[in-house]
Amino acid sequence: MSNRVVCREASHAGSWYSASGSQLNAQLEGWLSQAQSTIRPARAIIAPHAGYTYCGACAAHAYKQVDPSITRRVFILGPSHHVPLSRCALSPADIYRTPLYDLRIDQKVYADLWKTGLFERMSLQTDEDEHSIEMHLPYTAKAMESHKDEFSIVPVLVGALSESKEQEYGKLLSKYLADPSNLFIISSDFCHWGQRFRYTYYDESQGEIYRSIEHLDKMGMGIIEQLDPMSFTNYLKKYRNTICGRHPIGVLLNAVAELRKSGLEMNFTFLNYAQSSQCRNWQDSSLARHTRNILPVPPSSVGLKWHQLLSPFSSREWYSSFC
C-alpha cells in the first residue's frame, strides 16, 4: 500500500483570489477588520463561494464568528458544479493547499464516513476543478491561524440529493454538528438571476427587478430561519430559486432537525444581504449572497440552546451556470 501524500493544489488561486500569501492575508485581515464579532462561537456558518472580489467582504461577517480556541475540526459542505452526483463525495487528497498554509484532511472521520457506504470518492481532477469548497479554504486558514496545527478539515462535495437523501445525510452528520469542537461551513450563494442563468422570475408588485430578487431571497431566508427542511423544500419547488447550495443547506437543516428531536432548541437570525448588481432590465444579471452562523449559548433548564446568526452574501458573479 502506498504511503504517498496526495495534495490538492489551490487551483483557483491567481484567478478567483490572490495566489500571493502576503497579499491574500492582507485582504482577509482587511475584510475581517470591518466585520463585527457579535455572537461566538459559531457552530455552523453559511457563506458564499464567489471570487473574493465579489464576496470577500461579505464572507468576513460569518468567519468573524469562528472561535479557533475551541474548533478542532471543520466540515466544509459544497455543491458540485461540474460533475453529476446523486450522493455525496469525499476527496482523494490528504492535504489541501492554500497560499497561507496547508490544511490537513481528517482521515479518521473520512474512514468513518466511508464505512457507511453513503459516499463516493471523487477524482483529484474533479476536486481541483470545483470551487465551492476551495473558496472557503483561505478564510478557514485565516480564521484558524492561531491554532493552525490543532485542527483538521472534512471536505464533502454534495450532489443533487433527493429529499430522502438530504434527510439521510443530515441524520448521519448530526452527531458531528452536536460536538462543540466541530464547525460546519455550508457553501452557497443565493439567487442567480438573468438570462445567462436561465432564471428570470419577476414579481412586478415589488417594483424594480432587483427588489423582486431581494424579496424572493429574503422569503427563502425567512423559511430557513424556521429550521424546517420541508418548508425550504416546498419553497424551492414553488419558486425554483437558483440557490446553488440548496442541497448542502438541506443537509444542514435536516441535521438540525435531528438534533431538535433530542431537545436541542435553535434560533436562526438574518444579519445582512447584498447583490452584486441591481438588475433593472432583462439584459442584466446578478448573484445574491448572504452569510449565516449557528451559535450555541449556555444550556438552560430545557436543554442546550443554540443561536443562529445570518449575515450577508455579496452578490452575483460570473458563473457560466448556477449549479
C-alpha atoms as a PDB file:
ATOM      1  CA  MET A   1       0.000   0.000   0.000  1.00  0.00           C
ATOM      2  CA  SER A   2       1.356   3.420  -0.986  1.00  0.00           C
ATOM      3  CA  ASN A   3       2.116   5.995   1.719  1.00  0.00           C
ATOM      4  CA  ARG A   4       2.333   8.809  -0.808  1.00  0.00           C
ATOM      5  CA  VAL A   5       0.723  12.015   0.442  1.00  0.00           C
ATOM      6  CA  VAL A   6      -1.840  13.301  -2.043  1.00  0.00           C
ATOM      7  CA  CYS A   7      -2.123  17.088  -2.219  1.00  0.00           C
ATOM      8  CA  ARG A   8      -4.940  19.104  -3.748  1.00  0.00           C
ATOM      9  CA  GLU A   9      -3.462  22.258  -5.245  1.00  0.00           C
ATOM     10  CA  ALA A  10      -5.004  25.698  -4.783  1.00  0.00           C
ATOM     11  CA  SER A  11      -6.271  25.576  -8.363  1.00  0.00           C
ATOM     12  CA  HIS A  12      -8.295  28.811  -8.252  1.00  0.00           C
ATOM     13  CA  ALA A  13      -5.548  30.898  -6.669  1.00  0.00           C
ATOM     14  CA  GLY A  14      -4.421  33.631  -9.029  1.00  0.00           C
ATOM     15  CA  SER A  15      -7.848  33.978 -10.620  1.00  0.00           C
ATOM     16  CA  TRP A  16     -10.640  33.766  -8.054  1.00  0.00           C
ATOM     17  CA  TYR A  17      -8.398  35.056  -5.265  1.00  0.00           C
ATOM     18  CA  SER A  18      -4.781  36.115  -4.855  1.00  0.00           C
ATOM     19  CA  ALA A  19      -2.052  33.491  -5.152  1.00  0.00           C
ATOM     20  CA  SER A  20       0.238  35.671  -3.044  1.00  0.00           C
ATOM     21  CA  GLY A  21       0.117  34.602   0.579  1.00  0.00           C
ATOM     22  CA  SER A  22       1.029  38.052   1.890  1.00  0.00           C
ATOM     23  CA  GLN A  23      -1.462  39.845  -0.351  1.00  0.00           C
ATOM     24  CA  LEU A  24      -4.236  37.374   0.428  1.00  0.00           C
ATOM     25  CA  ASN A  25      -3.536  37.628   4.153  1.00  0.00           C
ATOM     26  CA  ALA A  26      -3.770  41.426   3.998  1.00  0.00           C
ATOM     27  CA  GLN A  27      -7.062  41.266   2.100  1.00  0.00           C
ATOM     28  CA  LEU A  28      -8.598  38.809   4.562  1.00  0.00           C
ATOM     29  CA  GLU A  29      -7.422  40.874   7.522  1.00  0.00           C
ATOM     30  CA  GLY A  30      -8.940  43.979   5.970  1.00  0.00           C
ATOM     31  CA  TRP A  31     -12.336  42.374   5.404  1.00  0.00           C
ATOM     32  CA  LEU A  32     -12.381  40.757   8.847  1.00  0.00           C
ATOM     33  CA  SER A  33     -11.492  44.075  10.492  1.00  0.00           C
ATOM     34  CA  GLN A  34     -14.678  45.574   9.043  1.00  0.00           C
ATOM     35  CA  ALA A  35     -16.909  42.790  10.417  1.00  0.00           C
ATOM     36  CA  GLN A  36     -18.175  42.582  13.980  1.00  0.00           C
ATOM     37  CA  SER A  37     -17.836  39.586  16.247  1.00  0.00           C
ATOM     38  CA  THR A  38     -21.381  39.642  17.551  1.00  0.00           C
ATOM     39  CA  ILE A  39     -22.055  36.148  18.862  1.00  0.00           C
ATOM     40  CA  ARG A  40     -19.388  33.491  19.251  1.00  0.00           C
ATOM     41  CA  PRO A  41     -18.574  30.713  18.897  1.00  0.00           C
ATOM     42  CA  ALA A  42     -20.261  29.700  15.653  1.00  0.00           C
ATOM     43  CA  ARG A  43     -21.233  26.045  15.305  1.00  0.00           C
ATOM     44  CA  ALA A  44     -22.120  26.413  11.620  1.00  0.00           C
ATOM     45  CA  ILE A  45     -21.979  29.144   9.001  1.00  0.00           C
ATOM     46  CA  ILE A  46     -23.458  29.578   5.541  1.00  0.00           C
ATOM     47  CA  ALA A  47     -21.177  31.658   3.346  1.00  0.00           C
ATOM     48  CA  PRO A  48     -20.684  32.387  -0.395  1.00  0.00           C
ATOM     49  CA  HIS A  49     -18.206  30.851  -2.808  1.00  0.00           C
ATOM     50  CA  ALA A  50     -17.731  33.518  -5.479  1.00  0.00           C
ATOM     51  CA  GLY A  51     -14.459  35.219  -6.351  1.00  0.00           C
ATOM     52  CA  TYR A  52     -13.189  37.246  -3.414  1.00  0.00           C
ATOM     53  CA  THR A  53     -13.573  40.492  -5.347  1.00  0.00           C
ATOM     54  CA  TYR A  54     -17.310  39.863  -5.187  1.00  0.00           C
ATOM     55  CA  CYS A  55     -17.834  38.150  -1.851  1.00  0.00           C
ATOM     56  CA  GLY A  56     -14.700  38.528   0.263  1.00  0.00           C
ATOM     57  CA  ALA A  57     -16.116  41.325   2.384  1.00  0.00           C
ATOM     58  CA  CYS A  58     -19.417  39.525   2.785  1.00  0.00           C
ATOM     59  CA  ALA A  59     -17.919  36.203   3.879  1.00  0.00           C
ATOM     60  CA  ALA A  60     -15.975  38.001   6.618  1.00  0.00           C
ATOM     61  CA  HIS A  61     -19.197  38.508   8.598  1.00  0.00           C
ATOM     62  CA  ALA A  62     -19.515  34.734   9.008  1.00  0.00           C
ATOM     63  CA  TYR A  63     -15.863  33.922   9.626  1.00  0.00           C
ATOM     64  CA  LYS A  64     -15.617  36.651  12.260  1.00  0.00           C
ATOM     65  CA  GLN A  65     -17.820  34.458  14.461  1.00  0.00           C
ATOM     66  CA  VAL A  66     -15.453  31.453  14.381  1.00  0.00           C
ATOM     67  CA  ASP A  67     -13.635  30.725  17.648  1.00  0.00           C
ATOM     68  CA  PRO A  68     -10.343  28.962  16.855  1.00  0.00           C
ATOM     69  CA  SER A  69      -9.689  28.204  20.510  1.00  0.00           C
ATOM     70  CA  ILE A  70     -12.432  25.555  20.617  1.00  0.00           C
ATOM     71  CA  THR A  71     -12.656  24.446  16.967  1.00  0.00           C
ATOM     72  CA  ARG A  72     -10.754  21.266  16.211  1.00  0.00           C
ATOM     73  CA  ARG A  73     -12.490  20.024  13.083  1.00  0.00           C
ATOM     74  CA  VAL A  74     -14.014  21.957  10.174  1.00  0.00           C
ATOM     75  CA  PHE A  75     -16.595  20.296   7.922  1.00  0.00           C
ATOM     76  CA  ILE A  76     -16.977  22.046   4.553  1.00  0.00           C
ATOM     77  CA  LEU A  77     -20.054  21.092   2.508  1.00  0.00           C
ATOM     78  CA  GLY A  78     -20.069  22.467  -1.040  1.00  0.00           C
ATOM     79  CA  PRO A  79     -22.308  21.806  -4.066  1.00  0.00           C
ATOM     80  CA  SER A  80     -20.996  20.097  -7.179  1.00  0.00           C
ATOM     81  CA  HIS A  81     -20.904  22.486 -10.161  1.00  0.00           C
ATOM     82  CA  HIS A  82     -19.110  20.338 -12.740  1.00  0.00           C
ATOM     83  CA  VAL A  83     -19.928  16.652 -12.291  1.00  0.00           C
ATOM     84  CA  PRO A  84     -23.304  14.950 -11.775  1.00  0.00           C
ATOM     85  CA  LEU A  85     -23.642  13.423  -8.318  1.00  0.00           C
ATOM     86  CA  SER A  86     -26.676  11.815  -6.737  1.00  0.00           C
ATOM     87  CA  ARG A  87     -24.836  11.277  -3.448  1.00  0.00           C
ATOM     88  CA  CYS A  88     -22.008  12.972  -1.571  1.00  0.00           C
ATOM     89  CA  ALA A  89     -18.328  12.511  -2.381  1.00  0.00           C
ATOM     90  CA  LEU A  90     -15.087  12.557  -0.408  1.00  0.00           C
ATOM     91  CA  SER A  91     -11.728  13.831  -1.608  1.00  0.00           C
ATOM     92  CA  PRO A  92      -8.824  11.511  -2.523  1.00  0.00           C
ATOM     93  CA  ALA A  93      -6.416  14.075  -1.057  1.00  0.00           C
ATOM     94  CA  ASP A  94      -4.639  14.132   2.293  1.00  0.00           C
ATOM     95  CA  ILE A  95      -3.693  17.813   2.131  1.00  0.00           C
ATOM     96  CA  TYR A  96      -5.475  20.888   0.749  1.00  0.00           C
ATOM     97  CA  ARG A  97      -3.031  23.616  -0.185  1.00  0.00           C
ATOM     98  CA  THR A  98      -3.732  27.332   0.282  1.00  0.00           C
ATOM     99  CA  PRO A  99      -1.461  30.364  -0.258  1.00  0.00           C
ATOM    100  CA  LEU A 100      -1.438  30.777   3.547  1.00  0.00           C
ATOM    101  CA  TYR A 101      -0.635  27.250   4.741  1.00  0.00           C
ATOM    102  CA  ASP A 102      -1.675  23.662   4.084  1.00  0.00           C
ATOM    103  CA  LEU A 103      -4.830  22.176   5.599  1.00  0.00           C
ATOM    104  CA  ARG A 104      -4.935  18.541   6.702  1.00  0.00           C
ATOM    105  CA  ILE A 105      -7.946  16.307   5.988  1.00  0.00           C
ATOM    106  CA  ASP A 106      -9.196  14.311   8.963  1.00  0.00           C
ATOM    107  CA  GLN A 107      -8.651  10.776   7.703  1.00  0.00           C
ATOM    108  CA  LYS A 108     -10.252   9.175  10.770  1.00  0.00           C
ATOM    109  CA  VAL A 109     -13.567  10.920  10.124  1.00  0.00           C
ATOM    110  CA  TYR A 110     -13.201  10.180   6.409  1.00  0.00           C
ATOM    111  CA  ALA A 111     -12.766   6.485   7.223  1.00  0.00           C
ATOM    112  CA  ASP A 112     -15.871   6.531   9.426  1.00  0.00           C
ATOM    113  CA  LEU A 113     -17.907   8.241   6.706  1.00  0.00           C
ATOM    114  CA  TRP A 114     -16.615   5.860   4.043  1.00  0.00           C
ATOM    115  CA  LYS A 115     -17.696   2.844   6.111  1.00  0.00           C
ATOM    116  CA  THR A 116     -21.328   3.961   5.908  1.00  0.00           C
ATOM    117  CA  GLY A 117     -21.417   3.175   2.184  1.00  0.00           C
ATOM    118  CA  LEU A 118     -23.127   6.508   1.513  1.00  0.00           C
ATOM    119  CA  PHE A 119     -20.169   8.293  -0.066  1.00  0.00           C
ATOM    120  CA  GLU A 120     -18.416   8.212  -3.418  1.00  0.00           C
ATOM    121  CA  ARG A 121     -14.747   9.043  -3.956  1.00  0.00           C
ATOM    122  CA  MET A 122     -14.240  11.989  -6.310  1.00  0.00           C
ATOM    123  CA  SER A 123     -11.181  12.160  -8.541  1.00  0.00           C
ATOM    124  CA  LEU A 124      -8.427  14.651  -7.800  1.00  0.00           C
ATOM    125  CA  GLN A 125      -9.263  16.393 -11.091  1.00  0.00           C
ATOM    126  CA  THR A 126     -12.899  16.810 -10.039  1.00  0.00           C
ATOM    127  CA  ASP A 127     -11.742  18.112  -6.671  1.00  0.00           C
ATOM    128  CA  GLU A 128      -9.417  20.693  -8.217  1.00  0.00           C
ATOM    129  CA  ASP A 129     -11.991  21.786 -10.813  1.00  0.00           C
ATOM    130  CA  GLU A 130     -14.590  22.511  -8.128  1.00  0.00           C
ATOM    131  CA  HIS A 131     -14.566  25.946  -6.468  1.00  0.00           C
ATOM    132  CA  SER A 132     -17.367  25.653  -3.897  1.00  0.00           C
ATOM    133  CA  ILE A 133     -15.116  24.092  -1.261  1.00  0.00           C
ATOM    134  CA  GLU A 134     -11.838  25.758  -2.228  1.00  0.00           C
ATOM    135  CA  MET A 135     -13.212  29.284  -1.821  1.00  0.00           C
ATOM    136  CA  HIS A 136     -13.611  28.593   1.899  1.00  0.00           C
ATOM    137  CA  LEU A 137     -10.099  27.270   2.443  1.00  0.00           C
ATOM    138  CA  PRO A 138      -8.201  30.593   2.701  1.00  0.00           C
ATOM    139  CA  TYR A 139     -10.833  32.023   5.067  1.00  0.00           C
ATOM    140  CA  THR A 140     -10.723  28.834   7.140  1.00  0.00           C
ATOM    141  CA  ALA A 141      -6.933  29.038   7.296  1.00  0.00           C
ATOM    142  CA  LYS A 142      -7.093  32.700   8.323  1.00  0.00           C
ATOM    143  CA  ALA A 143      -9.804  32.218  10.938  1.00  0.00           C
ATOM    144  CA  MET A 144      -7.877  29.291  12.460  1.00  0.00           C
ATOM    145  CA  GLU A 145      -4.327  30.632  12.109  1.00  0.00           C
ATOM    146  CA  SER A 146      -3.748  30.999  15.860  1.00  0.00           C
ATOM    147  CA  HIS A 147      -4.362  27.233  16.217  1.00  0.00           C
ATOM    148  CA  LYS A 148      -3.261  26.119  12.773  1.00  0.00           C
ATOM    149  CA  ASP A 149      -1.580  22.925  13.987  1.00  0.00           C
ATOM    150  CA  GLU A 150      -4.549  21.872  16.108  1.00  0.00           C
ATOM    151  CA  PHE A 151      -7.375  21.337  13.630  1.00  0.00           C
ATOM    152  CA  SER A 152      -8.296  19.302  10.570  1.00  0.00           C
ATOM    153  CA  ILE A 153     -10.854  19.646   7.784  1.00  0.00           C
ATOM    154  CA  VAL A 154     -13.570  17.360   6.410  1.00  0.00           C
ATOM    155  CA  PRO A 155     -14.460  18.463   2.850  1.00  0.00           C
ATOM    156  CA  VAL A 156     -17.656  16.936   1.422  1.00  0.00           C
ATOM    157  CA  LEU A 157     -18.890  17.507  -2.127  1.00  0.00           C
ATOM    158  CA  VAL A 158     -22.692  17.420  -2.101  1.00  0.00           C
ATOM    159  CA  GLY A 159     -24.599  16.168  -5.118  1.00  0.00           C
ATOM    160  CA  ALA A 160     -28.151  16.779  -6.336  1.00  0.00           C
ATOM    161  CA  LEU A 161     -29.734  14.961  -3.418  1.00  0.00           C
ATOM    162  CA  SER A 162     -33.321  13.819  -3.152  1.00  0.00           C
ATOM    163  CA  GLU A 163     -35.317  14.873  -0.106  1.00  0.00           C
ATOM    164  CA  SER A 164     -34.780  11.459   1.463  1.00  0.00           C
ATOM    165  CA  LYS A 165     -31.021  11.655   0.826  1.00  0.00           C
ATOM    166  CA  GLU A 166     -30.801  15.104   2.429  1.00  0.00           C
ATOM    167  CA  GLN A 167     -32.529  13.638   5.451  1.00  0.00           C
ATOM    168  CA  GLU A 168     -30.211  10.618   5.491  1.00  0.00           C
ATOM    169  CA  TYR A 169     -27.035  12.689   5.307  1.00  0.00           C
ATOM    170  CA  GLY A 170     -28.412  15.176   7.830  1.00  0.00           C
ATOM    171  CA  LYS A 171     -29.074  12.387  10.306  1.00  0.00           C
ATOM    172  CA  LEU A 172     -25.603  10.947   9.722  1.00  0.00           C
ATOM    173  CA  LEU A 173     -23.844  14.290  10.249  1.00  0.00           C
ATOM    174  CA  SER A 174     -25.980  15.442  13.174  1.00  0.00           C
ATOM    175  CA  LYS A 175     -23.712  13.760  15.729  1.00  0.00           C
ATOM    176  CA  TYR A 176     -20.806  15.814  14.409  1.00  0.00           C
ATOM    177  CA  LEU A 177     -22.868  19.007  14.467  1.00  0.00           C
ATOM    178  CA  ALA A 178     -23.705  18.323  18.117  1.00  0.00           C
ATOM    179  CA  ASP A 179     -19.995  18.352  19.033  1.00  0.00           C
ATOM    180  CA  PRO A 180     -18.926  21.890  20.066  1.00  0.00           C
ATOM    181  CA  SER A 181     -15.406  21.260  18.776  1.00  0.00           C
ATOM    182  CA  ASN A 182     -16.751  20.926  15.222  1.00  0.00           C
ATOM    183  CA  LEU A 183     -17.527  23.788  12.844  1.00  0.00           C
ATOM    184  CA  PHE A 184     -19.727  23.330   9.772  1.00  0.00           C
ATOM    185  CA  ILE A 185     -19.241  25.575   6.738  1.00  0.00           C
ATOM    186  CA  ILE A 186     -22.083  25.447   4.213  1.00  0.00           C
ATOM    187  CA  SER A 187     -21.041  26.841   0.838  1.00  0.00           C
ATOM    188  CA  SER A 188     -23.809  28.640  -1.057  1.00  0.00           C
ATOM    189  CA  ASP A 189     -24.743  31.739  -2.976  1.00  0.00           C
ATOM    190  CA  PHE A 190     -28.369  32.775  -3.334  1.00  0.00           C
ATOM    191  CA  CYS A 191     -30.426  33.830  -6.362  1.00  0.00           C
ATOM    192  CA  HIS A 192     -28.585  33.702  -9.701  1.00  0.00           C
ATOM    193  CA  TRP A 193     -30.788  35.946 -11.830  1.00  0.00           C
ATOM    194  CA  GLY A 194     -30.611  36.657 -15.557  1.00  0.00           C
ATOM    195  CA  GLN A 195     -30.851  35.015 -18.956  1.00  0.00           C
ATOM    196  CA  ARG A 196     -27.356  33.532 -18.641  1.00  0.00           C
ATOM    197  CA  PHE A 197     -28.599  31.642 -15.583  1.00  0.00           C
ATOM    198  CA  ARG A 198     -31.879  30.739 -17.283  1.00  0.00           C
ATOM    199  CA  TYR A 199     -33.794  32.221 -14.383  1.00  0.00           C
ATOM    200  CA  THR A 200     -35.823  35.427 -14.722  1.00  0.00           C
ATOM    201  CA  TYR A 201     -38.506  35.209 -12.047  1.00  0.00           C
ATOM    202  CA  TYR A 202     -40.033  38.666 -11.545  1.00  0.00           C
ATOM    203  CA  ASP A 203     -42.756  39.795  -9.172  1.00  0.00           C
ATOM    204  CA  GLU A 204     -43.867  43.156 -10.587  1.00  0.00           C
ATOM    205  CA  SER A 205     -45.558  44.090  -7.313  1.00  0.00           C
ATOM    206  CA  GLN A 206     -42.074  44.518  -5.767  1.00  0.00           C
ATOM    207  CA  GLY A 207     -41.068  47.265  -8.235  1.00  0.00           C
ATOM    208  CA  GLU A 208     -37.626  47.059  -9.854  1.00  0.00           C
ATOM    209  CA  ILE A 209     -36.267  43.607 -10.737  1.00  0.00           C
ATOM    210  CA  TYR A 210     -33.564  43.746  -8.076  1.00  0.00           C
ATOM    211  CA  ARG A 211     -36.209  44.387  -5.425  1.00  0.00           C
ATOM    212  CA  SER A 212     -38.122  41.335  -6.629  1.00  0.00           C
ATOM    213  CA  ILE A 213     -34.919  39.275  -6.319  1.00  0.00           C
ATOM    214  CA  GLU A 214     -34.331  40.574  -2.806  1.00  0.00           C
ATOM    215  CA  HIS A 215     -37.917  39.795  -1.816  1.00  0.00           C
ATOM    216  CA  LEU A 216     -37.581  36.264  -3.192  1.00  0.00           C
ATOM    217  CA  ASP A 217     -34.279  35.639  -1.396  1.00  0.00           C
ATOM    218  CA  LYS A 218     -35.444  37.059   1.911  1.00  0.00           C
ATOM    219  CA  MET A 219     -38.542  34.903   1.678  1.00  0.00           C
ATOM    220  CA  GLY A 220     -36.210  31.905   1.443  1.00  0.00           C
ATOM    221  CA  MET A 221     -34.048  33.186   4.283  1.00  0.00           C
ATOM    222  CA  GLY A 222     -37.109  33.579   6.472  1.00  0.00           C
ATOM    223  CA  ILE A 223     -38.028  29.980   5.751  1.00  0.00           C
ATOM    224  CA  ILE A 224     -34.505  28.803   6.585  1.00  0.00           C
ATOM    225  CA  GLU A 225     -34.826  30.698   9.878  1.00  0.00           C
ATOM    226  CA  GLN A 226     -37.686  28.358  10.727  1.00  0.00           C
ATOM    227  CA  LEU A 227     -35.219  25.452  10.593  1.00  0.00           C
ATOM    228  CA  ASP A 228     -37.837  23.350   8.806  1.00  0.00           C
ATOM    229  CA  PRO A 229     -36.361  21.270   5.938  1.00  0.00           C
ATOM    230  CA  MET A 230     -39.769  20.555   4.374  1.00  0.00           C
ATOM    231  CA  SER A 231     -40.726  24.235   4.229  1.00  0.00           C
ATOM    232  CA  PHE A 232     -37.433  25.019   2.494  1.00  0.00           C
ATOM    233  CA  THR A 233     -38.013  22.183   0.014  1.00  0.00           C
ATOM    234  CA  ASN A 234     -41.525  23.455  -0.724  1.00  0.00           C
ATOM    235  CA  TYR A 235     -40.189  26.983  -1.249  1.00  0.00           C
ATOM    236  CA  LEU A 236     -37.660  25.696  -3.792  1.00  0.00           C
ATOM    237  CA  LYS A 237     -40.323  23.683  -5.596  1.00  0.00           C
ATOM    238  CA  LYS A 238     -42.619  26.684  -5.817  1.00  0.00           C
ATOM    239  CA  TYR A 239     -40.172  29.399  -6.870  1.00  0.00           C
ATOM    240  CA  ARG A 240     -37.266  27.386  -8.340  1.00  0.00           C
ATOM    241  CA  ASN A 241     -34.890  29.910  -6.804  1.00  0.00           C
ATOM    242  CA  THR A 242     -31.390  29.234  -8.109  1.00  0.00           C
ATOM    243  CA  ILE A 243     -29.729  28.752  -4.734  1.00  0.00           C
ATOM    244  CA  CYS A 244     -26.697  26.720  -5.772  1.00  0.00           C
ATOM    245  CA  GLY A 245     -26.045  25.390  -2.273  1.00  0.00           C
ATOM    246  CA  ARG A 246     -29.631  24.305  -1.718  1.00  0.00           C
ATOM    247  CA  HIS A 247     -28.628  20.678  -1.102  1.00  0.00           C
ATOM    248  CA  PRO A 248     -25.865  21.435   1.458  1.00  0.00           C
ATOM    249  CA  ILE A 249     -28.356  23.771   3.156  1.00  0.00           C
ATOM    250  CA  GLY A 250     -30.924  20.961   3.081  1.00  0.00           C
ATOM    251  CA  VAL A 251     -28.434  18.600   4.729  1.00  0.00           C
ATOM    252  CA  LEU A 252     -27.727  21.170   7.464  1.00  0.00           C
ATOM    253  CA  LEU A 253     -31.429  21.775   8.121  1.00  0.00           C
ATOM    254  CA  ASN A 254     -32.021  18.051   8.406  1.00  0.00           C
ATOM    255  CA  ALA A 255     -29.076  17.702  10.802  1.00  0.00           C
ATOM    256  CA  VAL A 256     -30.558  20.447  12.959  1.00  0.00           C
ATOM    257  CA  ALA A 257     -33.995  18.791  12.766  1.00  0.00           C
ATOM    258  CA  GLU A 258     -32.464  15.539  14.001  1.00  0.00           C
ATOM    259  CA  LEU A 259     -30.862  17.286  16.968  1.00  0.00           C
ATOM    260  CA  ARG A 260     -34.091  19.051  17.852  1.00  0.00           C
ATOM    261  CA  LYS A 261     -35.706  15.656  18.338  1.00  0.00           C
ATOM    262  CA  SER A 262     -33.440  15.211  21.353  1.00  0.00           C
ATOM    263  CA  GLY A 263     -34.483  18.528  22.866  1.00  0.00           C
ATOM    264  CA  LEU A 264     -31.916  20.911  21.440  1.00  0.00           C
ATOM    265  CA  GLU A 265     -33.567  24.255  20.678  1.00  0.00           C
ATOM    266  CA  MET A 266     -32.139  26.537  17.989  1.00  0.00           C
ATOM    267  CA  ASN A 267     -32.772  30.037  16.681  1.00  0.00           C
ATOM    268  CA  PHE A 268     -31.791  31.465  13.315  1.00  0.00           C
ATOM    269  CA  THR A 269     -31.410  35.195  12.770  1.00  0.00           C
ATOM    270  CA  PHE A 270     -30.726  37.012   9.495  1.00  0.00           C
ATOM    271  CA  LEU A 271     -27.974  39.635   9.589  1.00  0.00           C
ATOM    272  CA  ASN A 272     -27.366  41.070   6.150  1.00  0.00           C
ATOM    273  CA  TYR A 273     -27.944  40.722   2.426  1.00  0.00           C
ATOM    274  CA  ALA A 274     -26.410  42.163  -0.738  1.00  0.00           C
ATOM    275  CA  GLN A 275     -26.455  41.775  -4.524  1.00  0.00           C
ATOM    276  CA  SER A 276     -23.565  42.041  -6.943  1.00  0.00           C
ATOM    277  CA  SER A 277     -25.545  44.430  -9.102  1.00  0.00           C
ATOM    278  CA  GLN A 278     -29.028  45.919  -9.203  1.00  0.00           C
ATOM    279  CA  CYS A 279     -30.949  44.383 -12.103  1.00  0.00           C
ATOM    280  CA  ARG A 280     -33.304  46.819 -13.806  1.00  0.00           C
ATOM    281  CA  ASN A 281     -33.884  45.185 -17.192  1.00  0.00           C
ATOM    282  CA  TRP A 282     -33.912  41.729 -18.775  1.00  0.00           C
ATOM    283  CA  GLN A 283     -30.350  42.056 -20.078  1.00  0.00           C
ATOM    284  CA  ASP A 284     -28.934  42.473 -16.569  1.00  0.00           C
ATOM    285  CA  SER A 285     -27.761  39.674 -14.283  1.00  0.00           C
ATOM    286  CA  SER A 286     -26.836  39.407 -10.628  1.00  0.00           C
ATOM    287  CA  LEU A 287     -25.933  36.928  -7.912  1.00  0.00           C
ATOM    288  CA  ALA A 288     -27.117  37.332  -4.350  1.00  0.00           C
ATOM    289  CA  ARG A 289     -25.195  36.214  -1.296  1.00  0.00           C
ATOM    290  CA  HIS A 290     -25.668  36.133   2.446  1.00  0.00           C
ATOM    291  CA  THR A 291     -23.922  34.587   5.417  1.00  0.00           C
ATOM    292  CA  ARG A 292     -25.391  32.911   8.457  1.00  0.00           C
ATOM    293  CA  ASN A 293     -23.987  31.479  11.645  1.00  0.00           C
ATOM    294  CA  ILE A 294     -25.313  28.862  14.047  1.00  0.00           C
ATOM    295  CA  LEU A 295     -24.091  29.655  17.509  1.00  0.00           C
ATOM    296  CA  PRO A 296     -24.634  27.815  20.799  1.00  0.00           C
ATOM    297  CA  VAL A 297     -25.423  29.551  24.070  1.00  0.00           C
ATOM    298  CA  PRO A 298     -25.190  28.028  27.554  1.00  0.00           C
ATOM    299  CA  PRO A 299     -27.594  25.216  28.463  1.00  0.00           C
ATOM    300  CA  SER A 300     -30.830  26.099  30.217  1.00  0.00           C
ATOM    301  CA  SER A 301     -33.365  24.019  32.107  1.00  0.00           C
ATOM    302  CA  VAL A 302     -34.888  22.927  28.808  1.00  0.00           C
ATOM    303  CA  GLY A 303     -31.595  21.798  27.342  1.00  0.00           C
ATOM    304  CA  LEU A 304     -28.841  23.236  25.198  1.00  0.00           C
ATOM    305  CA  LYS A 305     -29.991  26.236  23.202  1.00  0.00           C
ATOM    306  CA  TRP A 306     -28.373  27.422  20.005  1.00  0.00           C
ATOM    307  CA  HIS A 307     -28.489  30.805  18.406  1.00  0.00           C
ATOM    308  CA  GLN A 308     -28.070  31.209  14.678  1.00  0.00           C
ATOM    309  CA  LEU A 309     -26.914  34.369  13.075  1.00  0.00           C
ATOM    310  CA  LEU A 310     -27.493  35.244   9.451  1.00  0.00           C
ATOM    311  CA  SER A 311     -25.077  37.541   7.757  1.00  0.00           C
ATOM    312  CA  PRO A 312     -24.908  38.665   4.130  1.00  0.00           C
ATOM    313  CA  PHE A 313     -23.838  37.205   0.877  1.00  0.00           C
ATOM    314  CA  SER A 314     -22.261  39.674  -1.513  1.00  0.00           C
ATOM    315  CA  SER A 315     -23.963  39.294  -4.871  1.00  0.00           C
ATOM    316  CA  ARG A 316     -23.933  37.812  -8.226  1.00  0.00           C
ATOM    317  CA  GLU A 317     -20.825  36.988 -10.207  1.00  0.00           C
ATOM    318  CA  TRP A 318     -19.504  35.298 -13.245  1.00  0.00           C
ATOM    319  CA  TYR A 319     -20.857  31.764 -13.307  1.00  0.00           C
ATOM    320  CA  SER A 320     -21.492  30.077 -16.615  1.00  0.00           C
ATOM    321  CA  SER A 321     -24.139  28.044 -14.816  1.00  0.00           C
ATOM    322  CA  PHE A 322     -25.676  28.323 -11.400  1.00  0.00           C
ATOM    323  CA  CYS A 323     -25.185  24.763 -10.295  1.00  0.00           C
END
